[in-house]
C-alpha atoms as a PDB file:
ATOM      1  CA  MET A   1      10.011   7.563 -17.728  1.00  0.00           C
ATOM      2  CA  ALA A   2       9.094  10.635 -19.974  1.00  0.00           C
ATOM      3  CA  LYS A   3      11.022  13.849 -19.579  1.00  0.00           C
ATOM      4  CA  MET A   4       9.486  17.365 -19.799  1.00  0.00           C
ATOM      5  CA  GLU A   5      10.987  20.694 -20.591  1.00  0.00           C
ATOM      6  CA  LEU A   6       9.183  23.764 -19.371  1.00  0.00           C
ATOM      7  CA  GLU A   7      10.059  27.455 -19.240  1.00  0.00           C
ATOM      8  CA  LEU A   8       9.551  28.956 -15.710  1.00  0.00           C
ATOM      9  CA  PRO A   9       9.043  32.513 -14.811  1.00  0.00           C
ATOM     10  CA  SER A  10      11.942  33.946 -12.763  1.00  0.00           C
ATOM     11  CA  THR A  11       9.730  33.994  -9.654  1.00  0.00           C
ATOM     12  CA  VAL A  12       9.501  30.147  -9.449  1.00  0.00           C
ATOM     13  CA  SER A  13      12.474  27.760  -9.153  1.00  0.00           C
ATOM     14  CA  VAL A  14      13.048  24.517 -10.716  1.00  0.00           C
ATOM     15  CA  LYS A  15      12.804  22.713  -7.428  1.00  0.00           C
ATOM     16  CA  GLU A  16       9.602  24.654  -6.460  1.00  0.00           C
ATOM     17  CA  ALA A  17       7.862  23.683  -9.607  1.00  0.00           C
ATOM     18  CA  ARG A  18       8.826  20.032  -9.498  1.00  0.00           C
ATOM     19  CA  LEU A  19       7.626  19.870  -5.860  1.00  0.00           C
ATOM     20  CA  LEU A  20       4.229  21.518  -6.835  1.00  0.00           C
ATOM     21  CA  LEU A  21       3.899  19.086  -9.812  1.00  0.00           C
ATOM     22  CA  VAL A  22       4.627  16.040  -7.611  1.00  0.00           C
ATOM     23  CA  VAL A  23       2.234  17.235  -4.833  1.00  0.00           C
ATOM     24  CA  LYS A  24      -0.278  17.605  -7.569  1.00  0.00           C
ATOM     25  CA  LEU A  25       0.198  14.025  -9.136  1.00  0.00           C
ATOM     26  CA  TYR A  26       0.113  12.697  -5.487  1.00  0.00           C
ATOM     27  CA  GLU A  27      -3.114  14.540  -4.538  1.00  0.00           C
ATOM     28  CA  THR A  28      -4.739  13.243  -7.880  1.00  0.00           C
ATOM     29  CA  GLN A  29      -3.711   9.637  -7.215  1.00  0.00           C
ATOM     30  CA  ARG A  30      -1.440   9.397  -9.996  1.00  0.00           C
ATOM     31  CA  LEU A  31       1.543   8.767  -7.834  1.00  0.00           C
ATOM     32  CA  SER A  32       2.160   6.717  -4.532  1.00  0.00           C
ATOM     33  CA  LEU A  33       3.468   8.429  -1.382  1.00  0.00           C
ATOM     34  CA  GLY A  34       6.913   6.719  -1.777  1.00  0.00           C
ATOM     35  CA  LYS A  35       7.283   7.474  -5.593  1.00  0.00           C
ATOM     36  CA  ALA A  36       6.023  11.065  -5.052  1.00  0.00           C
ATOM     37  CA  ALA A  37       8.757  11.569  -2.279  1.00  0.00           C
ATOM     38  CA  GLU A  38      11.412  10.026  -4.458  1.00  0.00           C
ATOM     39  CA  LEU A  39      10.617  12.257  -7.395  1.00  0.00           C
ATOM     40  CA  ALA A  40      10.542  15.316  -5.242  1.00  0.00           C
ATOM     41  CA  GLY A  41      13.853  14.461  -3.815  1.00  0.00           C
ATOM     42  CA  TYR A  42      12.563  14.177  -0.115  1.00  0.00           C
ATOM     43  CA  SER A  43      12.174  11.207   2.573  1.00  0.00           C
ATOM     44  CA  VAL A  44       8.647   9.918   2.775  1.00  0.00           C
ATOM     45  CA  GLN A  45       8.458  11.508   6.133  1.00  0.00           C
ATOM     46  CA  ALA A  46       9.578  15.031   4.893  1.00  0.00           C
ATOM     47  CA  PHE A  47       7.299  14.819   1.840  1.00  0.00           C
ATOM     48  CA  ALA A  48       4.341  13.758   3.923  1.00  0.00           C
ATOM     49  CA  GLU A  49       4.965  16.898   6.235  1.00  0.00           C
ATOM     50  CA  LEU A  50       5.056  19.013   3.033  1.00  0.00           C
ATOM     51  CA  LEU A  51       1.582  17.360   1.971  1.00  0.00           C
ATOM     52  CA  VAL A  52       0.046  18.537   5.462  1.00  0.00           C
ATOM     53  CA  ARG A  53       1.452  22.182   4.785  1.00  0.00           C
ATOM     54  CA  TYR A  54      -0.154  22.259   1.287  1.00  0.00           C
ATOM     55  CA  GLY A  55      -3.287  20.903   2.804  1.00  0.00           C
ATOM     56  CA  VAL A  56      -3.213  17.857   0.986  1.00  0.00           C
ATOM     57  CA  ASP A  57      -4.807  14.785   2.628  1.00  0.00           C
ATOM     58  CA  LEU A  58      -2.107  12.108   3.532  1.00  0.00           C
ATOM     59  CA  TYR A  59      -4.648   9.202   3.799  1.00  0.00           C
ATOM     60  CA  ARG A  60      -7.499   8.803   1.369  1.00  0.00           C
ATOM     61  CA  TYR A  61     -10.134   6.854   3.192  1.00  0.00           C
ATOM     62  CA  PRO A  62     -13.764   6.829   2.616  1.00  0.00           C
ATOM     63  CA  PRO A  63     -15.507   7.756   5.874  1.00  0.00           C
ATOM     64  CA  ASP A  64     -16.914   4.226   6.456  1.00  0.00           C
ATOM     65  CA  GLU A  65     -13.484   2.534   5.682  1.00  0.00           C
ATOM     66  CA  LEU A  66     -11.624   5.046   8.038  1.00  0.00           C
ATOM     67  CA  GLU A  67     -14.048   4.239  10.781  1.00  0.00           C
ATOM     68  CA  ASP A  68     -13.556   0.458  10.163  1.00  0.00           C
ATOM     69  CA  GLU A  69      -9.999   1.014  10.282  1.00  0.00           C
ATOM     70  CA  ALA A  70      -9.985   3.150  13.493  1.00  0.00           C
ATOM     71  CA  LEU A  71     -12.104   0.393  15.312  1.00  0.00           C
ATOM     72  CA  ARG A  72      -9.649  -2.236  14.134  1.00  0.00           C
ATOM     73  CA  TRP A  73      -6.817  -0.345  15.256  1.00  0.00           C
ATOM     74  CA  ILE A  74      -8.441   0.112  18.890  1.00  0.00           C
ATOM     75  CA  GLU A  75      -9.166  -3.562  19.016  1.00  0.00           C
ATOM     76  CA  GLU A  76      -5.568  -4.492  18.119  1.00  0.00           C
ATOM     77  CA  ARG A  77      -4.266  -2.422  20.985  1.00  0.00           C
ATOM     78  CA  ARG A  78      -6.803  -3.418  23.733  1.00  0.00           C
ATOM     79  CA  PRO A  79      -4.959  -5.630  26.287  1.00  0.00           C
ATOM     80  CA  VAL A  80      -5.780  -9.273  26.031  1.00  0.00           C
ATOM     81  CA  ALA A  81      -6.343  -9.709  29.691  1.00  0.00           C
ATOM     82  CA  GLU A  82      -8.504  -6.768  29.990  1.00  0.00           C
ATOM     83  CA  THR A  83     -11.282  -7.379  32.807  1.00  0.00           C
ATOM     84  CA  PRO A  84     -14.602  -5.674  32.520  1.00  0.00           C
ATOM     85  CA  PRO A  85     -14.999  -2.947  35.331  1.00  0.00           C
ATOM     86  CA  VAL A  86     -16.702  -4.098  38.434  1.00  0.00           C
ATOM     87  CA  PRO A  87     -20.140  -2.500  38.791  1.00  0.00           C
ATOM     88  CA  PRO A  88     -20.791  -0.631  41.861  1.00  0.00           C
ATOM     89  CA  ARG A  89     -22.443  -2.675  44.731  1.00  0.00           C
ATOM     90  CA  ARG A  90     -26.176  -2.023  45.294  1.00  0.00           C
ATOM     91  CA  ARG A  91     -27.415  -1.224  48.771  1.00  0.00           C
ATOM     92  CA  THR A  92     -30.055  -4.004  49.532  1.00  0.00           C
ATOM     93  CA  ALA A  93     -32.349  -4.251  52.354  1.00  0.00           C
ATOM     94  CA  ARG A  94     -32.270  -7.365  54.464  1.00  0.00           C
ATOM     95  CA  LEU A  95     -35.160  -8.184  56.708  1.00  0.00           C
ATOM     96  CA  THR A  96     -33.913  -9.126  60.130  1.00  0.00           C
ATOM     97  CA  SER A  97     -37.060  -9.642  61.767  1.00  0.00           C
ATOM     98  CA  VAL A  98     -40.627  -9.058  61.118  1.00  0.00           C
ATOM     99  CA  GLU A  99     -40.752  -5.587  62.376  1.00  0.00           C
ATOM    100  CA  THR A 100     -37.230  -4.201  61.587  1.00  0.00           C
ATOM    101  CA  CYS A 101     -35.178  -3.863  58.540  1.00  0.00           C
ATOM    102  CA  SER A 102     -31.506  -2.826  58.351  1.00  0.00           C
ATOM    103  CA  ALA A 103     -29.631  -1.659  55.324  1.00  0.00           C
ATOM    104  CA  THR A 104     -26.510  -3.553  54.296  1.00  0.00           C
ATOM    105  CA  ARG A 105     -23.910  -3.343  51.564  1.00  0.00           C
END
C-alpha cells in the first residue's frame, strides 16, 4: 500500500482528513465498504452511518436492479403456505317459483 505525506491547515485534523479521503474513495467506487471502514478506523456499521451523514449512497444499484432486488426480497419473505384472500360472496337471486324471487347469500 502506498503512503502519502500531506501538510494540513490547523483547522483540519489528521483523523478528519483521513476520513474525508476514505469517504471520497468509497463514493467514487475505489474502495469497498469494508476496506474503507478499515482505513478510516471504524466498524462497517459506524462507517456506513457516517456515509449517510455525508450524503453518500450506501448502496449503488441502478434503478432496474434495485427494483429487481426489492421484488426478490419481498418474494423471499412471503410465507410459503399463504392462501389467497377469499373474494366476497356475491348476492344471487334464486327463482323459487315462476312469480316470486328471493335473494340469498
